[in-house]
């Protein structure tokens, strides 16, 4: 029960962090754009996008830190925790040095990489140096966030990150209001991003008896790290191939203008389904804990409860965008992009179905049985590229979306559930019924409410969409609350406490 309470708190704070980031991005972007201008803002975005690829140097080590910190702590092996963390920190220091060297080289040639106006050449070099240095520092500092995740201190990580987002937004507004420009904004952004993991360092050192010295770097820990991290790294490469290739294929084989129409639908899907991924990621460290204590019943429980939680988040998004996708696009970017609805419809079904099974992937990572996932993701990415190129000749940009959706849907339907149910010795029918049937059933009245409201208020508008989504959400939320209070053990306990408190108050 305590584990479930921790997970509920973690999901709440993770959503708070994501929601804060989305809102800050929505409101801060036009403010920064208008003050930096097209050239300054474009340079800012390009440099941060380019240095974002340095993230591949993570090599899957952060995921391994989460896994083995949870594992060793569950087994009370403090010395192994110390050796593993020291080994990861040493490797990340080397990665940081390599990143810094690449940054130094890139600083010299950044104005050749991009078509930068002569007036911005020096600013581009300083910007690349600042951002690249921040990324380099982020590697060794980044393991401390992974340690806190491994300790299942999700609220601590998320609330600190949320505070960092708000502080960064406030400082950006201050420096731009006072007439400072591009480099000041980059210093604020990188400075706050570096400060947040420094807070994690303090919290970790208070939570664990860690000692840092090169003599604690351990070959056994390194072998564990490589065996676990390599499939995670391959999975990440496959994900890049899967999700980053569509717009490139559209631009190469159709036209650059078509990319905008594809991106409108794709980005709605990407932003909305990130909340489901936040739910699933909570279960990796808990799965590692159960794996260390050989608690197979605990694994089965999070298999069903975690998948149900992801489905409760993912399924209504599918229904929402299938019904209200066109007015959402019209209000957001204008009626000229309504043709993007077909992209949105195809991708939201496939991605939403896949995201509903995020818990399954994180359980496999928590049990260190994720190697087949890496091969599967590479195969999915390759199939995506081939199918997208073939199908665009018949269906245009819709064919690119179909090329992505088909392998994704096939994996979600025929690989993940049977594979994990076989490992955890859980009947597939039991899993599907208990995990997915309630969310699927609740989507029926939710969809009916949205369709009725769409007929009542047919004219697109921000207020209209807010009323439609809000009223439909109340219907869905009431059903979910009923399920939690009448079917879920934690909800039943909370209901009993509430009834007892009300009776105690009335008896007075």
Foldseek 3Di string as FASTA:
>chain_A
DVLVVLLVLLLVLLVVLLVLLVVLCVPLVVVQCVLQDPQLVVLLVVLLVVLVVLVLLLLQLLLLLLQVLLLCVLVVNQLVNQLLLQQQLVSLLVSLVVLLVVLVVCLVCVCVVDVHDPVCNNVSSLLSNLSSNLVSLCRSLVSLLSSCLLVSVSNVLSVLSSVLSVQLSVQLVVCSVVPHYNNSNSCSVSVSVNVSSVVSVVVVVVVGVHDHDPVSHDPVSVVSSCLLSNLVSLLVVLVCLQLVCLLVLLCVPPRNVVSVLLCLLSVVLVSQLVSLLSSLLSCLSVLSSCLSVVPLVSLVVCQQVSLQVSLLRLVLVLLLCLLCVQLVSCAPPHNVSSVSSLLNNLQSVLVSLLSSNSNLQSSCSSNSNNNVVSVLSNVLSVQLVVQLNVQCVPVNSSSSSVSSRVSSNCCSVPPRLVPSCVVSVHDSVVSCCSRNVQSVVLSVVLSVQLVVLCVVPVDRDPVSSCVSNVVSVVSSVVSVLVCLCPPNPVNVVVVVVVVVVVVVVVVD
